[in-house]
Amino acid sequence: MKKFHRILLAIDDSPCTQKVVNYAQEFIADKETSIALITVVPPTSPATYGADPLLGQQPIIVPEITEIQQNTAEQYIAKVASEFSSTNQVFTFTRIGNIKEEILILANEWSADLILMGSNGRSGFDHFISGSVSESVIRKATCPVLVIPINCS
């Protein structure tokens, strides 16, 4: 069995993510393994409140919202990183952008041996509309991807 030395753990701040973190802690058994934690903040959509395109008014982008979201994500990922104190090295990455793309980009940049992530188990119309981050990562990743089902509804 291949031994993984560089594991990328993709997380978000949903309540179900702790299941993936717990699994990762059990999966990483030795001190030779390094782990990178990534969380991705989607770009802030422009607010259309008060903007009238007929009058030539453009939607408003409030940069402070993105900054607050990124600060919150950084605090969250630092808290999760502290749970991996027995690991060789822990790296944290907070990115703004498309979740699927940012996970794949970091996996390549960091030379990950394995991507570990959760799946919320969407199906049917919900899956059709929003797609699946884990499915997209599996299709395009250059390393193995381990998906942990996190149905916790």
N, C-alpha and C. Protein backbone atom coordinates (compact mmCIF):
# COMPACT_ATOMS: atom_id res chain seq x y z
N MET A 1 0.84 -1.19 0.00
CA MET A 1 0.00 0.00 0.00
C MET A 1 0.88 1.25 0.00
N LYS A 2 0.53 2.19 -0.84
CA LYS A 2 1.29 3.44 -0.94
C LYS A 2 1.14 4.24 0.34
N LYS A 3 2.25 4.81 0.77
CA LYS A 3 2.23 5.65 1.96
C LYS A 3 2.13 7.11 1.51
N PHE A 4 1.22 7.83 2.07
CA PHE A 4 1.01 9.22 1.70
C PHE A 4 1.79 10.12 2.65
N HIS A 5 2.58 11.03 2.08
CA HIS A 5 3.41 11.93 2.89
C HIS A 5 2.91 13.37 2.87
N ARG A 6 2.13 13.72 1.84
CA ARG A 6 1.64 15.09 1.70
C ARG A 6 0.14 15.02 1.41
N ILE A 7 -0.65 15.27 2.44
CA ILE A 7 -2.11 15.14 2.33
C ILE A 7 -2.74 16.53 2.36
N LEU A 8 -3.56 16.80 1.35
CA LEU A 8 -4.31 18.05 1.28
C LEU A 8 -5.72 17.79 1.81
N LEU A 9 -6.09 18.49 2.85
CA LEU A 9 -7.41 18.35 3.46
C LEU A 9 -8.23 19.59 3.14
N ALA A 10 -9.27 19.41 2.32
CA ALA A 10 -10.15 20.52 1.93
C ALA A 10 -11.31 20.58 2.91
N ILE A 11 -11.48 21.73 3.55
CA ILE A 11 -12.53 21.88 4.57
C ILE A 11 -13.29 23.18 4.37
N ASP A 12 -14.45 23.24 4.97
CA ASP A 12 -15.19 24.50 5.08
C ASP A 12 -15.67 24.61 6.52
N ASP A 13 -16.40 25.66 6.81
CA ASP A 13 -16.81 25.87 8.20
C ASP A 13 -18.20 25.33 8.50
N SER A 14 -18.65 24.34 7.73
CA SER A 14 -19.96 23.74 8.00
C SER A 14 -19.85 22.81 9.21
N PRO A 15 -20.94 22.59 9.92
CA PRO A 15 -20.90 21.73 11.10
C PRO A 15 -20.48 20.29 10.79
N CYS A 16 -20.70 19.83 9.59
CA CYS A 16 -20.39 18.45 9.23
C CYS A 16 -18.91 18.22 8.97
N THR A 17 -18.15 19.27 8.81
CA THR A 17 -16.73 19.14 8.46
C THR A 17 -15.94 18.43 9.55
N GLN A 18 -16.37 18.51 10.78
CA GLN A 18 -15.62 17.87 11.87
C GLN A 18 -15.47 16.37 11.63
N LYS A 19 -16.43 15.77 10.96
CA LYS A 19 -16.34 14.34 10.64
C LYS A 19 -15.13 14.07 9.74
N VAL A 20 -14.89 14.94 8.76
CA VAL A 20 -13.76 14.78 7.87
C VAL A 20 -12.45 15.02 8.63
N VAL A 21 -12.44 16.00 9.51
CA VAL A 21 -11.25 16.29 10.32
C VAL A 21 -10.92 15.09 11.20
N ASN A 22 -11.93 14.52 11.84
CA ASN A 22 -11.70 13.35 12.68
C ASN A 22 -11.14 12.18 11.87
N TYR A 23 -11.68 11.98 10.68
CA TYR A 23 -11.20 10.91 9.83
C TYR A 23 -9.74 11.16 9.44
N ALA A 24 -9.42 12.40 9.10
CA ALA A 24 -8.05 12.74 8.71
C ALA A 24 -7.08 12.48 9.87
N GLN A 25 -7.50 12.80 11.09
CA GLN A 25 -6.63 12.57 12.25
C GLN A 25 -6.33 11.08 12.42
N GLU A 26 -7.31 10.23 12.19
CA GLU A 26 -7.09 8.79 12.29
C GLU A 26 -6.27 8.28 11.12
N PHE A 27 -6.45 8.88 9.97
CA PHE A 27 -5.77 8.45 8.74
C PHE A 27 -4.28 8.78 8.80
N ILE A 28 -3.95 9.90 9.41
CA ILE A 28 -2.56 10.34 9.50
C ILE A 28 -1.98 9.75 10.78
N ALA A 29 -1.31 8.62 10.62
CA ALA A 29 -0.87 7.87 11.80
C ALA A 29 0.56 8.16 12.21
N ASP A 30 1.38 8.68 11.32
CA ASP A 30 2.78 8.84 11.69
C ASP A 30 3.24 10.28 11.58
N LYS A 31 4.42 10.53 12.12
CA LYS A 31 4.96 11.88 12.15
C LYS A 31 5.65 12.27 10.84
N GLU A 32 5.73 11.36 9.89
CA GLU A 32 6.35 11.67 8.61
C GLU A 32 5.40 12.39 7.66
N THR A 33 4.14 12.39 7.97
CA THR A 33 3.13 12.96 7.08
C THR A 33 2.99 14.46 7.33
N SER A 34 2.92 15.20 6.24
CA SER A 34 2.62 16.63 6.31
C SER A 34 1.20 16.81 5.80
N ILE A 35 0.52 17.79 6.36
CA ILE A 35 -0.86 18.04 5.95
C ILE A 35 -1.01 19.52 5.61
N ALA A 36 -1.76 19.77 4.56
CA ALA A 36 -2.12 21.13 4.19
C ALA A 36 -3.63 21.25 4.30
N LEU A 37 -4.08 22.25 4.98
CA LEU A 37 -5.51 22.51 5.10
C LEU A 37 -5.86 23.67 4.18
N ILE A 38 -6.90 23.49 3.40
CA ILE A 38 -7.36 24.57 2.53
C ILE A 38 -8.84 24.83 2.77
N THR A 39 -9.18 26.09 2.82
CA THR A 39 -10.57 26.50 2.80
C THR A 39 -10.67 27.61 1.76
N VAL A 40 -11.75 27.59 1.01
CA VAL A 40 -11.91 28.54 -0.09
C VAL A 40 -13.16 29.38 0.16
N VAL A 41 -12.97 30.69 0.07
CA VAL A 41 -14.07 31.63 0.21
C VAL A 41 -14.51 32.02 -1.20
N PRO A 42 -15.75 31.73 -1.57
CA PRO A 42 -16.22 32.15 -2.90
C PRO A 42 -16.20 33.67 -3.01
N PRO A 43 -15.93 34.20 -4.18
CA PRO A 43 -15.92 35.66 -4.34
C PRO A 43 -17.29 36.24 -4.00
N THR A 44 -17.27 37.41 -3.44
CA THR A 44 -18.51 38.09 -3.06
C THR A 44 -19.26 38.53 -4.31
N SER A 45 -20.53 38.21 -4.35
CA SER A 45 -21.37 38.64 -5.47
C SER A 45 -21.74 40.10 -5.28
N PRO A 46 -21.82 40.84 -6.38
CA PRO A 46 -22.24 42.24 -6.26
C PRO A 46 -23.67 42.33 -5.72
N ALA A 47 -23.90 43.30 -4.86
CA ALA A 47 -25.23 43.53 -4.31
C ALA A 47 -26.01 44.41 -5.27
N THR A 48 -27.20 43.99 -5.60
CA THR A 48 -28.01 44.78 -6.52
C THR A 48 -28.96 45.71 -5.78
N TYR A 49 -28.93 45.66 -4.45
CA TYR A 49 -29.81 46.51 -3.67
C TYR A 49 -29.49 47.98 -3.95
N GLY A 50 -30.46 48.72 -4.35
CA GLY A 50 -30.30 50.14 -4.60
C GLY A 50 -29.73 50.47 -5.97
N ALA A 51 -29.36 49.45 -6.76
CA ALA A 51 -28.80 49.71 -8.08
C ALA A 51 -29.91 49.54 -9.13
N ASP A 52 -30.01 50.50 -10.00
CA ASP A 52 -31.02 50.45 -11.05
C ASP A 52 -30.32 50.48 -12.40
N PRO A 53 -30.26 49.32 -13.11
CA PRO A 53 -29.56 49.30 -14.39
C PRO A 53 -30.18 50.23 -15.43
N LEU A 54 -31.47 50.55 -15.29
CA LEU A 54 -32.11 51.47 -16.25
C LEU A 54 -31.57 52.89 -16.11
N LEU A 55 -31.08 53.20 -14.90
CA LEU A 55 -30.50 54.52 -14.66
C LEU A 55 -28.98 54.50 -14.82
N GLY A 56 -28.45 53.34 -15.23
CA GLY A 56 -27.01 53.22 -15.42
C GLY A 56 -26.24 52.96 -14.13
N GLN A 57 -26.95 52.61 -13.07
CA GLN A 57 -26.28 52.34 -11.79
C GLN A 57 -25.80 50.90 -11.77
N GLN A 58 -24.59 50.71 -11.39
CA GLN A 58 -23.96 49.40 -11.36
C GLN A 58 -24.15 48.74 -9.99
N PRO A 59 -24.20 47.40 -9.98
CA PRO A 59 -24.23 46.70 -8.68
C PRO A 59 -23.01 47.08 -7.86
N ILE A 60 -23.16 47.03 -6.56
CA ILE A 60 -22.11 47.45 -5.63
C ILE A 60 -21.38 46.22 -5.10
N ILE A 61 -20.06 46.31 -5.09
CA ILE A 61 -19.25 45.27 -4.46
C ILE A 61 -18.66 45.88 -3.19
N VAL A 62 -18.92 45.25 -2.08
CA VAL A 62 -18.42 45.75 -0.80
C VAL A 62 -17.19 44.93 -0.42
N PRO A 63 -15.98 45.48 -0.59
CA PRO A 63 -14.77 44.71 -0.33
C PRO A 63 -14.64 44.26 1.12
N GLU A 64 -15.27 44.98 2.03
CA GLU A 64 -15.19 44.62 3.44
C GLU A 64 -15.82 43.25 3.72
N ILE A 65 -16.84 42.88 2.93
CA ILE A 65 -17.49 41.59 3.13
C ILE A 65 -16.52 40.47 2.83
N THR A 66 -15.78 40.58 1.73
CA THR A 66 -14.79 39.57 1.39
C THR A 66 -13.71 39.51 2.46
N GLU A 67 -13.28 40.66 2.93
CA GLU A 67 -12.25 40.72 3.97
C GLU A 67 -12.73 40.05 5.26
N ILE A 68 -13.95 40.30 5.65
CA ILE A 68 -14.51 39.67 6.85
C ILE A 68 -14.61 38.17 6.67
N GLN A 69 -15.08 37.73 5.49
CA GLN A 69 -15.17 36.29 5.22
C GLN A 69 -13.80 35.64 5.25
N GLN A 70 -12.81 36.30 4.69
CA GLN A 70 -11.46 35.73 4.68
C GLN A 70 -10.88 35.67 6.09
N ASN A 71 -11.08 36.70 6.88
CA ASN A 71 -10.59 36.69 8.26
C ASN A 71 -11.24 35.58 9.07
N THR A 72 -12.54 35.41 8.89
CA THR A 72 -13.26 34.34 9.58
C THR A 72 -12.73 32.97 9.15
N ALA A 73 -12.49 32.80 7.86
CA ALA A 73 -11.96 31.53 7.34
C ALA A 73 -10.56 31.27 7.89
N GLU A 74 -9.73 32.30 7.99
CA GLU A 74 -8.37 32.13 8.53
C GLU A 74 -8.41 31.73 10.00
N GLN A 75 -9.31 32.32 10.76
CA GLN A 75 -9.44 31.94 12.17
C GLN A 75 -9.91 30.50 12.30
N TYR A 76 -10.85 30.11 11.47
CA TYR A 76 -11.37 28.75 11.50
C TYR A 76 -10.29 27.74 11.15
N ILE A 77 -9.55 28.01 10.09
CA ILE A 77 -8.55 27.05 9.64
C ILE A 77 -7.39 26.96 10.65
N ALA A 78 -7.09 28.05 11.32
CA ALA A 78 -6.06 28.01 12.38
C ALA A 78 -6.52 27.13 13.53
N LYS A 79 -7.81 27.22 13.87
CA LYS A 79 -8.36 26.37 14.94
C LYS A 79 -8.28 24.90 14.55
N VAL A 80 -8.63 24.58 13.32
CA VAL A 80 -8.57 23.19 12.85
C VAL A 80 -7.12 22.72 12.81
N ALA A 81 -6.21 23.59 12.38
CA ALA A 81 -4.79 23.22 12.29
C ALA A 81 -4.24 22.83 13.65
N SER A 82 -4.74 23.45 14.71
CA SER A 82 -4.26 23.12 16.06
C SER A 82 -4.63 21.69 16.46
N GLU A 83 -5.61 21.10 15.80
CA GLU A 83 -6.01 19.73 16.08
C GLU A 83 -5.03 18.70 15.49
N PHE A 84 -4.08 19.17 14.69
CA PHE A 84 -3.09 18.29 14.06
C PHE A 84 -1.70 18.52 14.63
N SER A 85 -1.61 18.77 15.91
CA SER A 85 -0.32 19.09 16.54
C SER A 85 0.68 17.94 16.49
N SER A 86 0.20 16.70 16.37
CA SER A 86 1.12 15.56 16.34
C SER A 86 1.64 15.26 14.93
N THR A 87 1.19 16.01 13.95
CA THR A 87 1.61 15.81 12.57
C THR A 87 2.95 16.49 12.33
N ASN A 88 3.73 15.96 11.39
CA ASN A 88 5.05 16.48 11.06
C ASN A 88 4.99 17.99 10.78
N GLN A 89 4.23 18.37 9.77
CA GLN A 89 4.08 19.78 9.40
C GLN A 89 2.62 20.03 9.04
N VAL A 90 2.15 21.20 9.44
CA VAL A 90 0.79 21.60 9.09
C VAL A 90 0.87 22.94 8.38
N PHE A 91 0.31 22.99 7.18
CA PHE A 91 0.26 24.21 6.40
C PHE A 91 -1.19 24.62 6.26
N THR A 92 -1.45 25.91 6.26
CA THR A 92 -2.83 26.39 6.09
C THR A 92 -2.90 27.34 4.91
N PHE A 93 -3.97 27.21 4.15
CA PHE A 93 -4.19 28.05 2.98
C PHE A 93 -5.64 28.50 2.97
N THR A 94 -5.83 29.80 2.85
CA THR A 94 -7.16 30.37 2.67
C THR A 94 -7.15 31.08 1.33
N ARG A 95 -8.02 30.68 0.46
CA ARG A 95 -8.05 31.23 -0.89
C ARG A 95 -9.42 31.84 -1.16
N ILE A 96 -9.45 32.77 -2.08
CA ILE A 96 -10.71 33.34 -2.57
C ILE A 96 -10.83 32.94 -4.03
N GLY A 97 -11.94 32.32 -4.38
CA GLY A 97 -12.13 31.91 -5.77
C GLY A 97 -13.08 30.75 -5.89
N ASN A 98 -12.98 30.06 -7.02
CA ASN A 98 -13.80 28.89 -7.28
C ASN A 98 -13.27 27.72 -6.45
N ILE A 99 -14.11 27.11 -5.66
CA ILE A 99 -13.68 26.08 -4.71
C ILE A 99 -12.96 24.93 -5.41
N LYS A 100 -13.58 24.39 -6.44
CA LYS A 100 -12.99 23.25 -7.16
C LYS A 100 -11.61 23.61 -7.72
N GLU A 101 -11.55 24.74 -8.39
CA GLU A 101 -10.29 25.16 -9.03
C GLU A 101 -9.19 25.41 -8.01
N GLU A 102 -9.52 26.06 -6.92
CA GLU A 102 -8.50 26.38 -5.91
C GLU A 102 -7.95 25.13 -5.24
N ILE A 103 -8.79 24.14 -5.01
CA ILE A 103 -8.32 22.87 -4.43
C ILE A 103 -7.35 22.20 -5.40
N LEU A 104 -7.71 22.15 -6.67
CA LEU A 104 -6.85 21.51 -7.67
C LEU A 104 -5.54 22.27 -7.87
N ILE A 105 -5.61 23.58 -7.88
CA ILE A 105 -4.40 24.39 -8.05
C ILE A 105 -3.45 24.15 -6.88
N LEU A 106 -3.97 24.18 -5.65
CA LEU A 106 -3.11 23.97 -4.49
C LEU A 106 -2.55 22.55 -4.47
N ALA A 107 -3.35 21.57 -4.84
CA ALA A 107 -2.86 20.19 -4.87
C ALA A 107 -1.65 20.08 -5.80
N ASN A 108 -1.69 20.76 -6.93
CA ASN A 108 -0.56 20.74 -7.85
C ASN A 108 0.62 21.56 -7.34
N GLU A 109 0.35 22.76 -6.83
CA GLU A 109 1.42 23.63 -6.31
C GLU A 109 2.15 22.98 -5.14
N TRP A 110 1.41 22.34 -4.27
CA TRP A 110 1.96 21.76 -3.04
C TRP A 110 2.44 20.32 -3.25
N SER A 111 2.21 19.76 -4.42
CA SER A 111 2.58 18.38 -4.76
C SER A 111 1.95 17.37 -3.80
N ALA A 112 0.66 17.47 -3.64
CA ALA A 112 -0.07 16.58 -2.74
C ALA A 112 -0.04 15.14 -3.25
N ASP A 113 0.12 14.20 -2.32
CA ASP A 113 0.02 12.77 -2.64
C ASP A 113 -1.43 12.31 -2.62
N LEU A 114 -2.26 13.02 -1.84
CA LEU A 114 -3.65 12.62 -1.61
C LEU A 114 -4.46 13.85 -1.28
N ILE A 115 -5.66 13.92 -1.83
CA ILE A 115 -6.62 14.96 -1.45
C ILE A 115 -7.70 14.27 -0.63
N LEU A 116 -7.98 14.81 0.54
CA LEU A 116 -9.00 14.27 1.43
C LEU A 116 -10.06 15.34 1.60
N MET A 117 -11.31 14.98 1.32
CA MET A 117 -12.39 15.95 1.40
C MET A 117 -13.71 15.26 1.71
N GLY A 118 -14.69 16.04 2.08
CA GLY A 118 -16.01 15.51 2.38
C GLY A 118 -16.96 15.69 1.21
N SER A 119 -18.05 14.96 1.27
CA SER A 119 -19.13 15.10 0.29
C SER A 119 -20.44 15.16 1.05
N ASN A 120 -21.26 16.13 0.71
CA ASN A 120 -22.52 16.28 1.44
C ASN A 120 -23.62 15.36 0.92
N GLY A 121 -23.36 14.60 -0.11
CA GLY A 121 -24.32 13.62 -0.58
C GLY A 121 -25.52 14.17 -1.31
N ARG A 122 -25.38 15.33 -1.93
CA ARG A 122 -26.50 15.87 -2.72
C ARG A 122 -26.81 14.95 -3.87
N SER A 123 -28.06 14.91 -4.23
CA SER A 123 -28.45 14.11 -5.40
C SER A 123 -29.63 14.79 -6.07
N GLY A 124 -30.02 14.23 -7.20
CA GLY A 124 -31.20 14.73 -7.90
C GLY A 124 -31.04 16.16 -8.38
N PHE A 125 -32.11 16.93 -8.23
CA PHE A 125 -32.15 18.30 -8.75
C PHE A 125 -31.11 19.19 -8.07
N ASP A 126 -30.94 19.03 -6.75
CA ASP A 126 -29.96 19.83 -6.02
C ASP A 126 -28.56 19.61 -6.58
N HIS A 127 -28.22 18.36 -6.87
CA HIS A 127 -26.91 18.03 -7.45
C HIS A 127 -26.79 18.61 -8.86
N PHE A 128 -27.88 18.53 -9.63
CA PHE A 128 -27.89 19.05 -11.00
C PHE A 128 -27.64 20.56 -11.01
N ILE A 129 -28.29 21.27 -10.11
CA ILE A 129 -28.16 22.73 -10.07
C ILE A 129 -26.79 23.15 -9.56
N SER A 130 -26.33 22.60 -8.46
CA SER A 130 -25.10 23.10 -7.84
C SER A 130 -23.87 22.29 -8.18
N GLY A 131 -24.04 21.10 -8.74
CA GLY A 131 -22.88 20.27 -9.05
C GLY A 131 -22.27 19.72 -7.77
N SER A 132 -21.18 19.07 -7.93
CA SER A 132 -20.51 18.49 -6.78
C SER A 132 -19.04 18.87 -6.82
N VAL A 133 -18.59 19.53 -5.76
CA VAL A 133 -17.19 19.91 -5.68
C VAL A 133 -16.32 18.66 -5.68
N SER A 134 -16.68 17.68 -4.86
CA SER A 134 -15.86 16.47 -4.77
C SER A 134 -15.82 15.73 -6.11
N GLU A 135 -16.93 15.67 -6.80
CA GLU A 135 -16.96 14.99 -8.11
C GLU A 135 -16.04 15.69 -9.11
N SER A 136 -16.07 17.01 -9.12
CA SER A 136 -15.21 17.76 -10.04
C SER A 136 -13.73 17.58 -9.70
N VAL A 137 -13.42 17.55 -8.41
CA VAL A 137 -12.03 17.35 -8.00
C VAL A 137 -11.56 15.96 -8.40
N ILE A 138 -12.40 14.96 -8.18
CA ILE A 138 -12.04 13.59 -8.56
C ILE A 138 -11.73 13.51 -10.06
N ARG A 139 -12.54 14.15 -10.87
CA ARG A 139 -12.38 14.07 -12.33
C ARG A 139 -11.09 14.72 -12.82
N LYS A 140 -10.63 15.76 -12.13
CA LYS A 140 -9.50 16.53 -12.66
C LYS A 140 -8.22 16.42 -11.85
N ALA A 141 -8.25 15.76 -10.72
CA ALA A 141 -7.06 15.67 -9.87
C ALA A 141 -6.00 14.78 -10.50
N THR A 142 -4.74 15.09 -10.22
CA THR A 142 -3.63 14.28 -10.71
C THR A 142 -3.12 13.34 -9.63
N CYS A 143 -3.74 13.36 -8.46
CA CYS A 143 -3.37 12.44 -7.38
C CYS A 143 -4.66 11.78 -6.88
N PRO A 144 -4.56 10.74 -6.06
CA PRO A 144 -5.78 10.11 -5.53
C PRO A 144 -6.59 11.09 -4.67
N VAL A 145 -7.91 10.88 -4.69
CA VAL A 145 -8.83 11.69 -3.90
C VAL A 145 -9.66 10.75 -3.05
N LEU A 146 -9.67 11.00 -1.74
CA LEU A 146 -10.47 10.20 -0.82
C LEU A 146 -11.62 11.08 -0.35
N VAL A 147 -12.84 10.64 -0.64
CA VAL A 147 -14.04 11.43 -0.29
C VAL A 147 -14.75 10.75 0.87
N ILE A 148 -14.98 11.52 1.92
CA ILE A 148 -15.64 11.03 3.12
C ILE A 148 -17.10 11.53 3.08
N PRO A 149 -18.07 10.62 3.12
CA PRO A 149 -19.47 11.08 3.15
C PRO A 149 -19.76 11.76 4.49
N ILE A 150 -20.34 12.92 4.43
CA ILE A 150 -20.60 13.66 5.67
C ILE A 150 -22.08 14.01 5.81
N ASN A 151 -22.93 13.07 5.49
CA ASN A 151 -24.36 13.29 5.66
C ASN A 151 -24.65 13.43 7.15
N CYS A 152 -24.99 14.61 7.58
CA CYS A 152 -25.25 14.78 9.02
C CYS A 152 -26.55 15.53 9.24
N SER A 153 -27.47 15.38 8.33
CA SER A 153 -28.75 16.08 8.48
C SER A 153 -29.69 15.34 9.39
